[in-house]
Amino acid sequence: ITSEYTITKNKIQMKNFLMLLFSASFFMLTSCKEDKKAQETSKMEHVMKIHDEVMPKMGTLSKLVGQLKPLADSLGPESIEAKTMKDLQNANKDMMDWMQSF
């Protein structure tokens, strides 16, 4: 009877240990996912903050290109105005490409 009692007691202890191990593992995995989600949220907030600062300036880029175009056309493709206009157009394109790939 003592041997049977010891075996049953050991089984119960092992079962309790496994349940504790499973529970601890579950909580650790759940906790890690929450941390990762919080980091992703933080990164997204950072990206959106920059986006919100830059996006209103996109209209300014378009206006500047419009102002430079007549000068660039009359002065030629090697003029500073033409090169500046091209740089502004590239900045606009890069922003649009980034937004599409985001």
C-alpha atoms as a PDB file:
ATOM      1  CA  ILE A   1       0.000   0.000   0.000  1.00  0.00           C
ATOM      2  CA  THR A   2       2.850   2.397   0.805  1.00  0.00           C
ATOM      3  CA  SER A   3       4.472   1.714  -2.545  1.00  0.00           C
ATOM      4  CA  GLU A   4       1.164   2.281  -4.319  1.00  0.00           C
ATOM      5  CA  TYR A   5       0.634   5.504  -2.375  1.00  0.00           C
ATOM      6  CA  THR A   6       4.132   6.738  -3.276  1.00  0.00           C
ATOM      7  CA  ILE A   7       3.577   6.010  -6.986  1.00  0.00           C
ATOM      8  CA  THR A   8       0.218   7.823  -6.958  1.00  0.00           C
ATOM      9  CA  LYS A   9       1.744  10.735  -5.065  1.00  0.00           C
ATOM     10  CA  ASN A  10       4.624  10.928  -7.569  1.00  0.00           C
ATOM     11  CA  LYS A  11       2.173  10.854 -10.489  1.00  0.00           C
ATOM     12  CA  ILE A  12       0.186  13.707  -8.970  1.00  0.00           C
ATOM     13  CA  GLN A  13       3.366  15.694  -8.350  1.00  0.00           C
ATOM     14  CA  MET A  14       4.539  15.051 -11.920  1.00  0.00           C
ATOM     15  CA  LYS A  15       1.134  16.050 -13.286  1.00  0.00           C
ATOM     16  CA  ASN A  16       1.183  19.253 -11.220  1.00  0.00           C
ATOM     17  CA  PHE A  17       4.734  19.992 -12.359  1.00  0.00           C
ATOM     18  CA  LEU A  18       3.791  19.498 -16.021  1.00  0.00           C
ATOM     19  CA  MET A  19       0.731  21.718 -15.626  1.00  0.00           C
ATOM     20  CA  LEU A  20       2.869  24.400 -14.022  1.00  0.00           C
ATOM     21  CA  LEU A  21       5.479  24.104 -16.780  1.00  0.00           C
ATOM     22  CA  PHE A  22       2.796  24.285 -19.472  1.00  0.00           C
ATOM     23  CA  SER A  23       1.154  27.298 -17.824  1.00  0.00           C
ATOM     24  CA  ALA A  24       4.459  29.124 -17.443  1.00  0.00           C
ATOM     25  CA  SER A  25       5.351  28.432 -21.088  1.00  0.00           C
ATOM     26  CA  PHE A  26       1.951  29.620 -22.247  1.00  0.00           C
ATOM     27  CA  PHE A  27       2.197  32.869 -20.298  1.00  0.00           C
ATOM     28  CA  MET A  28       5.740  33.509 -21.523  1.00  0.00           C
ATOM     29  CA  LEU A  29       4.719  33.016 -25.156  1.00  0.00           C
ATOM     30  CA  THR A  30       1.662  35.203 -24.727  1.00  0.00           C
ATOM     31  CA  SER A  31       3.740  37.870 -23.036  1.00  0.00           C
ATOM     32  CA  CYS A  32       6.319  37.851 -25.852  1.00  0.00           C
ATOM     33  CA  LYS A  33       3.607  38.315 -28.458  1.00  0.00           C
ATOM     34  CA  GLU A  34       2.216  41.284 -26.558  1.00  0.00           C
ATOM     35  CA  ASP A  35       5.686  42.852 -26.337  1.00  0.00           C
ATOM     36  CA  LYS A  36       6.196  42.380 -30.078  1.00  0.00           C
ATOM     37  CA  LYS A  37       2.777  43.868 -30.786  1.00  0.00           C
ATOM     38  CA  ALA A  38       3.606  46.855 -28.576  1.00  0.00           C
ATOM     39  CA  GLN A  39       6.906  47.356 -30.422  1.00  0.00           C
ATOM     40  CA  GLU A  40       5.132  47.183 -33.790  1.00  0.00           C
ATOM     41  CA  THR A  41       2.576  49.718 -32.584  1.00  0.00           C
ATOM     42  CA  SER A  42       5.362  52.001 -31.399  1.00  0.00           C
ATOM     43  CA  LYS A  43       7.137  51.736 -34.774  1.00  0.00           C
ATOM     44  CA  MET A  44       3.910  52.417 -36.629  1.00  0.00           C
ATOM     45  CA  GLU A  45       3.242  55.484 -34.477  1.00  0.00           C
ATOM     46  CA  HIS A  46       6.765  56.732 -35.258  1.00  0.00           C
ATOM     47  CA  VAL A  47       6.275  56.191 -39.001  1.00  0.00           C
ATOM     48  CA  MET A  48       2.889  57.916 -38.942  1.00  0.00           C
ATOM     49  CA  LYS A  49       4.335  60.880 -37.034  1.00  0.00           C
ATOM     50  CA  ILE A  50       6.981  61.381 -39.721  1.00  0.00           C
ATOM     51  CA  HIS A  51       4.390  60.822 -42.441  1.00  0.00           C
ATOM     52  CA  ASP A  52       2.110  63.448 -40.922  1.00  0.00           C
ATOM     53  CA  GLU A  53       4.984  65.947 -40.820  1.00  0.00           C
ATOM     54  CA  VAL A  54       6.129  65.301 -44.385  1.00  0.00           C
ATOM     55  CA  MET A  55       2.833  64.831 -46.223  1.00  0.00           C
ATOM     56  CA  PRO A  56       1.732  68.499 -46.037  1.00  0.00           C
ATOM     57  CA  LYS A  57       5.064  69.427 -47.648  1.00  0.00           C
ATOM     58  CA  MET A  58       4.244  67.363 -50.722  1.00  0.00           C
ATOM     59  CA  GLY A  59       1.961  70.144 -51.951  1.00  0.00           C
ATOM     60  CA  THR A  60       4.827  72.589 -51.585  1.00  0.00           C
ATOM     61  CA  LEU A  61       6.995  70.335 -53.751  1.00  0.00           C
ATOM     62  CA  SER A  62       4.389  70.364 -56.495  1.00  0.00           C
ATOM     63  CA  LYS A  63       4.058  74.162 -56.335  1.00  0.00           C
ATOM     64  CA  LEU A  64       7.828  74.609 -56.527  1.00  0.00           C
ATOM     65  CA  VAL A  65       8.035  72.286 -59.524  1.00  0.00           C
ATOM     66  CA  GLY A  66       5.313  74.338 -61.192  1.00  0.00           C
ATOM     67  CA  GLN A  67       7.232  77.548 -60.536  1.00  0.00           C
ATOM     68  CA  LEU A  68      10.536  76.089 -61.749  1.00  0.00           C
ATOM     69  CA  LYS A  69       9.204  74.485 -64.917  1.00  0.00           C
ATOM     70  CA  PRO A  70       8.974  77.651 -67.050  1.00  0.00           C
ATOM     71  CA  LEU A  71      12.461  78.696 -65.928  1.00  0.00           C
ATOM     72  CA  ALA A  72      13.895  75.224 -66.505  1.00  0.00           C
ATOM     73  CA  ASP A  73      12.321  75.035 -69.961  1.00  0.00           C
ATOM     74  CA  SER A  74      13.709  78.403 -70.990  1.00  0.00           C
ATOM     75  CA  LEU A  75      17.180  77.959 -69.446  1.00  0.00           C
ATOM     76  CA  GLY A  76      17.770  74.355 -70.542  1.00  0.00           C
ATOM     77  CA  PRO A  77      18.318  70.971 -68.893  1.00  0.00           C
ATOM     78  CA  GLU A  78      21.742  71.853 -67.459  1.00  0.00           C
ATOM     79  CA  SER A  79      20.518  74.893 -65.554  1.00  0.00           C
ATOM     80  CA  ILE A  80      20.327  74.878 -61.766  1.00  0.00           C
ATOM     81  CA  GLU A  81      16.583  75.425 -62.083  1.00  0.00           C
ATOM     82  CA  ALA A  82      16.154  72.306 -64.246  1.00  0.00           C
ATOM     83  CA  LYS A  83      18.313  70.210 -61.908  1.00  0.00           C
ATOM     84  CA  THR A  84      16.436  71.493 -58.857  1.00  0.00           C
ATOM     85  CA  MET A  85      13.109  70.749 -60.530  1.00  0.00           C
ATOM     86  CA  LYS A  86      14.309  67.208 -61.310  1.00  0.00           C
ATOM     87  CA  ASP A  87      15.404  66.733 -57.680  1.00  0.00           C
ATOM     88  CA  LEU A  88      11.981  67.854 -56.452  1.00  0.00           C
ATOM     89  CA  GLN A  89      10.231  65.527 -58.890  1.00  0.00           C
ATOM     90  CA  ASN A  90      12.428  62.644 -57.725  1.00  0.00           C
ATOM     91  CA  ALA A  91      11.651  63.427 -54.077  1.00  0.00           C
ATOM     92  CA  ASN A  92       7.933  63.355 -54.894  1.00  0.00           C
ATOM     93  CA  LYS A  93       8.288  60.059 -56.774  1.00  0.00           C
ATOM     94  CA  ASP A  94      10.348  58.505 -53.966  1.00  0.00           C
ATOM     95  CA  MET A  95       7.692  59.451 -51.428  1.00  0.00           C
ATOM     96  CA  MET A  96       4.912  57.984 -53.574  1.00  0.00           C
ATOM     97  CA  ASP A  97       6.909  54.771 -54.142  1.00  0.00           C
ATOM     98  CA  TRP A  98       7.553  54.469 -50.405  1.00  0.00           C
ATOM     99  CA  MET A  99       3.861  54.912 -49.607  1.00  0.00           C
ATOM    100  CA  GLN A 100       2.876  52.228 -52.125  1.00  0.00           C
ATOM    101  CA  SER A 101       5.392  49.727 -50.743  1.00  0.00           C
ATOM    102  CA  PHE A 102       4.478  50.483 -47.122  1.00  0.00           C
END
